[in-house]
C-alpha atoms as a PDB file:
ATOM      1  CA  MET A   1     -13.447  -1.638 -21.339  1.00  0.00           C
ATOM      2  CA  THR A   2     -12.176   1.535 -22.965  1.00  0.00           C
ATOM      3  CA  ALA A   3     -14.247   4.635 -23.631  1.00  0.00           C
ATOM      4  CA  GLY A   4     -14.107   3.929 -27.361  1.00  0.00           C
ATOM      5  CA  ALA A   5     -15.462   0.411 -26.922  1.00  0.00           C
ATOM      6  CA  ALA A   6     -18.285   1.696 -24.741  1.00  0.00           C
ATOM      7  CA  ALA A   7     -19.186   4.287 -27.374  1.00  0.00           C
ATOM      8  CA  VAL A   8     -19.515   1.570 -30.020  1.00  0.00           C
ATOM      9  CA  GLU A   9     -21.869  -0.400 -27.765  1.00  0.00           C
ATOM     10  CA  VAL A  10     -23.989   2.663 -27.057  1.00  0.00           C
ATOM     11  CA  LEU A  11     -24.293   3.468 -30.752  1.00  0.00           C
ATOM     12  CA  ALA A  12     -25.232  -0.136 -31.525  1.00  0.00           C
ATOM     13  CA  GLY A  13     -27.886   0.002 -28.826  1.00  0.00           C
ATOM     14  CA  MET A  14     -29.476   3.031 -30.484  1.00  0.00           C
ATOM     15  CA  LYS A  15     -30.209   1.122 -33.689  1.00  0.00           C
ATOM     16  CA  TYR A  16     -33.977   1.286 -33.213  1.00  0.00           C
ATOM     17  CA  ARG A  17     -34.190   4.717 -31.595  1.00  0.00           C
ATOM     18  CA  GLN A  18     -36.758   7.321 -32.538  1.00  0.00           C
ATOM     19  CA  VAL A  19     -34.948  10.503 -31.489  1.00  0.00           C
ATOM     20  CA  VAL A  20     -31.432  11.001 -30.128  1.00  0.00           C
ATOM     21  CA  VAL A  21     -30.603  14.116 -28.121  1.00  0.00           C
ATOM     22  CA  ALA A  22     -26.948  14.577 -27.165  1.00  0.00           C
ATOM     23  CA  ILE A  23     -25.271  17.033 -24.789  1.00  0.00           C
ATOM     24  CA  ASN A  24     -21.485  16.992 -24.682  1.00  0.00           C
ATOM     25  CA  LYS A  25     -18.711  19.504 -24.008  1.00  0.00           C
ATOM     26  CA  ASN A  26     -16.583  17.978 -26.760  1.00  0.00           C
ATOM     27  CA  ALA A  27     -17.487  19.412 -30.173  1.00  0.00           C
ATOM     28  CA  GLU A  28     -15.913  16.333 -31.789  1.00  0.00           C
ATOM     29  CA  ALA A  29     -17.967  13.818 -29.776  1.00  0.00           C
ATOM     30  CA  PRO A  30     -18.950  10.872 -32.017  1.00  0.00           C
ATOM     31  CA  ILE A  31     -22.513  10.928 -30.677  1.00  0.00           C
ATOM     32  CA  PHE A  32     -23.121  14.187 -32.534  1.00  0.00           C
ATOM     33  CA  SER A  33     -22.859  12.356 -35.867  1.00  0.00           C
ATOM     34  CA  VAL A  34     -25.945  10.262 -35.053  1.00  0.00           C
ATOM     35  CA  ALA A  35     -27.898  12.699 -32.886  1.00  0.00           C
ATOM     36  CA  ASP A  36     -31.058  14.301 -34.193  1.00  0.00           C
ATOM     37  CA  TYR A  37     -30.557  17.211 -31.801  1.00  0.00           C
ATOM     38  CA  TRP A  38     -27.336  18.155 -30.041  1.00  0.00           C
ATOM     39  CA  LEU A  39     -25.903  20.801 -27.799  1.00  0.00           C
ATOM     40  CA  GLU A  40     -22.241  21.473 -27.164  1.00  0.00           C
ATOM     41  CA  ALA A  41     -22.352  22.264 -23.458  1.00  0.00           C
ATOM     42  CA  ASP A  42     -21.742  20.942 -19.961  1.00  0.00           C
ATOM     43  CA  LEU A  43     -24.488  18.436 -19.139  1.00  0.00           C
ATOM     44  CA  PHE A  44     -24.412  19.324 -15.442  1.00  0.00           C
ATOM     45  CA  VAL A  45     -25.062  23.003 -16.201  1.00  0.00           C
ATOM     46  CA  VAL A  46     -27.579  22.690 -19.034  1.00  0.00           C
ATOM     47  CA  VAL A  47     -29.893  19.962 -17.713  1.00  0.00           C
ATOM     48  CA  PRO A  48     -30.773  21.738 -14.430  1.00  0.00           C
ATOM     49  CA  GLU A  49     -31.494  24.903 -16.441  1.00  0.00           C
ATOM     50  CA  LEU A  50     -33.745  22.981 -18.849  1.00  0.00           C
ATOM     51  CA  VAL A  51     -35.596  21.284 -15.987  1.00  0.00           C
ATOM     52  CA  ALA A  52     -36.113  24.621 -14.235  1.00  0.00           C
ATOM     53  CA  THR A  53     -37.487  26.110 -17.439  1.00  0.00           C
ATOM     54  CA  LEU A  54     -39.935  23.262 -18.020  1.00  0.00           C
END
């Protein structure tokens, strides 16, 4: 399965979502078009910082 095919499946799976939060280093990431909140950043840097803050 290619990355593009996986992205389509993920988006289809979010059909009944309440809130989508996306973190991605790629400013052109397709997930940003459906996310309610998004951050252009490295997931492995940002998430530990968020957890430490909470």
